[in-house]
Amino acid sequence: MLSLFVVALVSATLLPGGSEVWLARLWCLGEPALALWLVATFGNTLGSLVNVWMGRYARRFQDRRWFPASPRGLARAERWYHRFGEWSLLLSWAPVIGDPLTVLAGIFRLPWWRAILLITLAKGMRYVVVLHLAQAWLAPLCS
């Protein structure tokens, strides 16, 4: 279970990971679904909150040459974020766009409690779907 927590946490940061595969593997090995769901959701949410934290402090470096976003790109991101708002964090589970969304929530100072709520909801639902798919498709293969 500790391995699932670590994989889920790393998967939610800007580093690549495969928590869904690891979750399905552990489910196939007979680990309890509820425990797997809790550990994966907690780890992945915590990883996304690392992104939010990084975003909260990223703006202080925006004048540095090495900063990854141009002023124009940052302004575009701000317009996009204000258009779709905090509800965009419900897509924090999605590959490619999920991690940047959590960083944007930090950059634009979304209150912590709202970030935690929305990210936990999104991540938790993703793992419900993964466990359901594992049960539907992998059960005959697990032994």
C-alpha atoms as a PDB file:
ATOM      1  CA  MET A   1       0.000   0.000   0.000  1.00  0.00           C
ATOM      2  CA  LEU A   2       2.866   2.376   0.698  1.00  0.00           C
ATOM      3  CA  SER A   3       4.007   1.845  -2.884  1.00  0.00           C
ATOM      4  CA  LEU A   4       0.555   2.884  -4.146  1.00  0.00           C
ATOM      5  CA  PHE A   5       0.681   6.041  -2.041  1.00  0.00           C
ATOM      6  CA  VAL A   6       4.115   6.968  -3.445  1.00  0.00           C
ATOM      7  CA  VAL A   7       3.107   6.226  -7.050  1.00  0.00           C
ATOM      8  CA  ALA A   8      -0.159   8.175  -6.646  1.00  0.00           C
ATOM      9  CA  LEU A   9       1.642  11.144  -5.083  1.00  0.00           C
ATOM     10  CA  VAL A  10       4.332  11.282  -7.773  1.00  0.00           C
ATOM     11  CA  SER A  11       1.729  10.812 -10.522  1.00  0.00           C
ATOM     12  CA  ALA A  12      -0.064  13.955  -9.404  1.00  0.00           C
ATOM     13  CA  THR A  13       3.023  16.132  -9.550  1.00  0.00           C
ATOM     14  CA  LEU A  14       4.604  17.275 -12.775  1.00  0.00           C
ATOM     15  CA  LEU A  15       6.568  14.005 -12.824  1.00  0.00           C
ATOM     16  CA  PRO A  16       5.184  11.107 -14.861  1.00  0.00           C
ATOM     17  CA  GLY A  17       3.565   8.173 -13.101  1.00  0.00           C
ATOM     18  CA  GLY A  18       1.025   5.418 -13.516  1.00  0.00           C
ATOM     19  CA  SER A  19      -1.062   5.187 -10.370  1.00  0.00           C
ATOM     20  CA  GLU A  20      -4.046   3.670 -12.170  1.00  0.00           C
ATOM     21  CA  VAL A  21      -2.044   0.660 -13.317  1.00  0.00           C
ATOM     22  CA  TRP A  22      -0.548   0.218  -9.864  1.00  0.00           C
ATOM     23  CA  LEU A  23      -3.982   0.473  -8.264  1.00  0.00           C
ATOM     24  CA  ALA A  24      -5.395  -2.168 -10.619  1.00  0.00           C
ATOM     25  CA  ARG A  25      -2.396  -4.417  -9.969  1.00  0.00           C
ATOM     26  CA  LEU A  26      -2.842  -4.241  -6.201  1.00  0.00           C
ATOM     27  CA  TRP A  27      -6.581  -4.852  -6.591  1.00  0.00           C
ATOM     28  CA  CYS A  28      -5.778  -7.942  -8.661  1.00  0.00           C
ATOM     29  CA  LEU A  29      -3.490  -9.126  -5.875  1.00  0.00           C
ATOM     30  CA  GLY A  30      -6.452  -9.053  -3.499  1.00  0.00           C
ATOM     31  CA  GLU A  31      -5.965  -5.784  -1.625  1.00  0.00           C
ATOM     32  CA  PRO A  32      -9.262  -4.327  -0.317  1.00  0.00           C
ATOM     33  CA  ALA A  33     -10.827  -1.873  -2.772  1.00  0.00           C
ATOM     34  CA  LEU A  34     -11.783   0.692  -0.132  1.00  0.00           C
ATOM     35  CA  ALA A  35      -8.265   0.815   1.298  1.00  0.00           C
ATOM     36  CA  LEU A  36      -6.809   1.130  -2.193  1.00  0.00           C
ATOM     37  CA  TRP A  37      -9.235   3.928  -3.025  1.00  0.00           C
ATOM     38  CA  LEU A  38      -8.427   5.833   0.166  1.00  0.00           C
ATOM     39  CA  VAL A  39      -4.648   5.519  -0.244  1.00  0.00           C
ATOM     40  CA  ALA A  40      -4.641   6.410  -3.951  1.00  0.00           C
ATOM     41  CA  THR A  41      -7.017   9.344  -3.497  1.00  0.00           C
ATOM     42  CA  PHE A  42      -5.037  10.708  -0.546  1.00  0.00           C
ATOM     43  CA  GLY A  43      -1.669  10.308  -2.280  1.00  0.00           C
ATOM     44  CA  ASN A  44      -2.815  11.777  -5.566  1.00  0.00           C
ATOM     45  CA  THR A  45      -4.581  14.681  -3.856  1.00  0.00           C
ATOM     46  CA  LEU A  46      -1.482  15.414  -1.810  1.00  0.00           C
ATOM     47  CA  GLY A  47       0.628  15.392  -4.979  1.00  0.00           C
ATOM     48  CA  SER A  48      -1.720  17.889  -6.617  1.00  0.00           C
ATOM     49  CA  LEU A  49      -1.541  20.081  -3.536  1.00  0.00           C
ATOM     50  CA  VAL A  50       2.242  20.147  -4.006  1.00  0.00           C
ATOM     51  CA  ASN A  51       1.514  21.621  -7.445  1.00  0.00           C
ATOM     52  CA  VAL A  52      -0.865  24.183  -5.919  1.00  0.00           C
ATOM     53  CA  TRP A  53       1.819  25.108  -3.391  1.00  0.00           C
ATOM     54  CA  MET A  54       4.426  25.490  -6.166  1.00  0.00           C
ATOM     55  CA  GLY A  55       2.004  27.685  -8.096  1.00  0.00           C
ATOM     56  CA  ARG A  56       1.401  29.909  -5.075  1.00  0.00           C
ATOM     57  CA  TYR A  57       5.094  30.737  -4.964  1.00  0.00           C
ATOM     58  CA  ALA A  58       5.844  30.694  -8.687  1.00  0.00           C
ATOM     59  CA  ARG A  59       4.770  34.271  -9.383  1.00  0.00           C
ATOM     60  CA  ARG A  60       7.574  35.702  -7.288  1.00  0.00           C
ATOM     61  CA  PHE A  61       9.969  34.392  -9.930  1.00  0.00           C
ATOM     62  CA  GLN A  62       8.080  35.618 -13.007  1.00  0.00           C
ATOM     63  CA  ASP A  63      10.658  38.321 -13.751  1.00  0.00           C
ATOM     64  CA  ARG A  64      13.486  35.802 -13.948  1.00  0.00           C
ATOM     65  CA  ARG A  65      14.779  34.812 -17.354  1.00  0.00           C
ATOM     66  CA  TRP A  66      14.433  31.094 -16.618  1.00  0.00           C
ATOM     67  CA  PHE A  67      10.750  31.374 -15.599  1.00  0.00           C
ATOM     68  CA  PRO A  68       8.852  28.892 -17.810  1.00  0.00           C
ATOM     69  CA  ALA A  69       5.963  31.223 -18.771  1.00  0.00           C
ATOM     70  CA  SER A  70       6.204  34.497 -20.638  1.00  0.00           C
ATOM     71  CA  PRO A  71       4.205  37.487 -19.371  1.00  0.00           C
ATOM     72  CA  ARG A  72       1.920  37.033 -22.380  1.00  0.00           C
ATOM     73  CA  GLY A  73       1.442  33.334 -21.624  1.00  0.00           C
ATOM     74  CA  LEU A  74       0.744  34.075 -17.978  1.00  0.00           C
ATOM     75  CA  ALA A  75      -1.848  36.700 -18.944  1.00  0.00           C
ATOM     76  CA  ARG A  76      -3.508  34.193 -21.296  1.00  0.00           C
ATOM     77  CA  ALA A  77      -3.565  31.576 -18.533  1.00  0.00           C
ATOM     78  CA  GLU A  78      -5.081  34.101 -16.151  1.00  0.00           C
ATOM     79  CA  ARG A  79      -7.863  34.959 -18.619  1.00  0.00           C
ATOM     80  CA  TRP A  80      -8.543  31.255 -19.158  1.00  0.00           C
ATOM     81  CA  TYR A  81      -8.578  30.567 -15.427  1.00  0.00           C
ATOM     82  CA  HIS A  82     -10.939  33.450 -14.700  1.00  0.00           C
ATOM     83  CA  ARG A  83     -13.222  32.263 -17.489  1.00  0.00           C
ATOM     84  CA  PHE A  84     -13.513  28.670 -16.241  1.00  0.00           C
ATOM     85  CA  GLY A  85     -12.578  29.317 -12.629  1.00  0.00           C
ATOM     86  CA  GLU A  86     -11.995  26.977  -9.793  1.00  0.00           C
ATOM     87  CA  TRP A  87     -14.395  24.400 -11.255  1.00  0.00           C
ATOM     88  CA  SER A  88     -11.697  23.571 -13.779  1.00  0.00           C
ATOM     89  CA  LEU A  89     -10.040  21.657 -10.927  1.00  0.00           C
ATOM     90  CA  LEU A  90     -12.659  18.960 -11.472  1.00  0.00           C
ATOM     91  CA  LEU A  91     -10.449  18.106 -14.462  1.00  0.00           C
ATOM     92  CA  SER A  92      -7.367  17.780 -12.263  1.00  0.00           C
ATOM     93  CA  TRP A  93      -7.593  14.006 -12.782  1.00  0.00           C
ATOM     94  CA  ALA A  94      -7.077  14.336 -16.542  1.00  0.00           C
ATOM     95  CA  PRO A  95      -3.763  13.487 -18.174  1.00  0.00           C
ATOM     96  CA  VAL A  96      -1.740  16.388 -19.614  1.00  0.00           C
ATOM     97  CA  ILE A  97      -4.054  19.207 -18.446  1.00  0.00           C
ATOM     98  CA  GLY A  98      -4.657  18.163 -14.827  1.00  0.00           C
ATOM     99  CA  ASP A  99      -1.252  19.058 -13.424  1.00  0.00           C
ATOM    100  CA  PRO A 100      -1.094  22.531 -14.993  1.00  0.00           C
ATOM    101  CA  LEU A 101      -4.607  23.246 -13.707  1.00  0.00           C
ATOM    102  CA  THR A 102      -3.468  22.623 -10.159  1.00  0.00           C
ATOM    103  CA  VAL A 103      -0.459  24.895 -10.641  1.00  0.00           C
ATOM    104  CA  LEU A 104      -2.767  27.622 -12.010  1.00  0.00           C
ATOM    105  CA  ALA A 105      -5.002  27.279  -8.954  1.00  0.00           C
ATOM    106  CA  GLY A 106      -1.941  28.095  -6.871  1.00  0.00           C
ATOM    107  CA  ILE A 107      -0.773  30.937  -9.082  1.00  0.00           C
ATOM    108  CA  PHE A 108      -4.184  32.571  -8.872  1.00  0.00           C
ATOM    109  CA  ARG A 109      -4.421  31.942  -5.108  1.00  0.00           C
ATOM    110  CA  LEU A 110      -7.470  29.703  -4.892  1.00  0.00           C
ATOM    111  CA  PRO A 111      -8.212  29.252  -1.174  1.00  0.00           C
ATOM    112  CA  TRP A 112      -6.716  26.021   0.154  1.00  0.00           C
ATOM    113  CA  TRP A 113      -9.980  24.545   1.373  1.00  0.00           C
ATOM    114  CA  ARG A 114     -11.594  24.902  -2.069  1.00  0.00           C
ATOM    115  CA  ALA A 115      -8.570  23.437  -3.813  1.00  0.00           C
ATOM    116  CA  ILE A 116      -8.560  20.473  -1.422  1.00  0.00           C
ATOM    117  CA  LEU A 117     -12.294  19.877  -1.866  1.00  0.00           C
ATOM    118  CA  LEU A 118     -12.339  20.044  -5.670  1.00  0.00           C
ATOM    119  CA  ILE A 119      -9.131  18.088  -6.186  1.00  0.00           C
ATOM    120  CA  THR A 120     -10.170  15.359  -3.736  1.00  0.00           C
ATOM    121  CA  LEU A 121     -13.525  15.021  -5.463  1.00  0.00           C
ATOM    122  CA  ALA A 122     -11.911  14.756  -8.912  1.00  0.00           C
ATOM    123  CA  LYS A 123      -9.194  12.334  -7.853  1.00  0.00           C
ATOM    124  CA  GLY A 124     -11.566  10.199  -5.791  1.00  0.00           C
ATOM    125  CA  MET A 125     -13.999   9.817  -8.671  1.00  0.00           C
ATOM    126  CA  ARG A 126     -11.198   8.836 -11.022  1.00  0.00           C
ATOM    127  CA  TYR A 127     -10.154   6.011  -8.712  1.00  0.00           C
ATOM    128  CA  VAL A 128     -13.779   4.867  -8.340  1.00  0.00           C
ATOM    129  CA  VAL A 129     -13.865   4.522 -12.129  1.00  0.00           C
ATOM    130  CA  VAL A 130     -10.498   2.720 -12.198  1.00  0.00           C
ATOM    131  CA  LEU A 131     -11.626   0.224  -9.550  1.00  0.00           C
ATOM    132  CA  HIS A 132     -14.923  -0.332 -11.365  1.00  0.00           C
ATOM    133  CA  LEU A 133     -13.103  -0.978 -14.638  1.00  0.00           C
ATOM    134  CA  ALA A 134     -10.658  -3.309 -12.885  1.00  0.00           C
ATOM    135  CA  GLN A 135     -13.558  -5.283 -11.462  1.00  0.00           C
ATOM    136  CA  ALA A 136     -15.380  -5.400 -14.808  1.00  0.00           C
ATOM    137  CA  TRP A 137     -12.425  -6.212 -17.059  1.00  0.00           C
ATOM    138  CA  LEU A 138      -9.590  -7.614 -14.970  1.00  0.00           C
ATOM    139  CA  ALA A 139     -11.413  -9.910 -12.549  1.00  0.00           C
ATOM    140  CA  PRO A 140     -11.183 -12.947 -14.874  1.00  0.00           C
ATOM    141  CA  LEU A 141      -7.442 -12.351 -15.308  1.00  0.00           C
ATOM    142  CA  CYS A 142      -6.643 -11.973 -11.619  1.00  0.00           C
ATOM    143  CA  SER A 143      -5.702 -15.163  -9.843  1.00  0.00           C
END
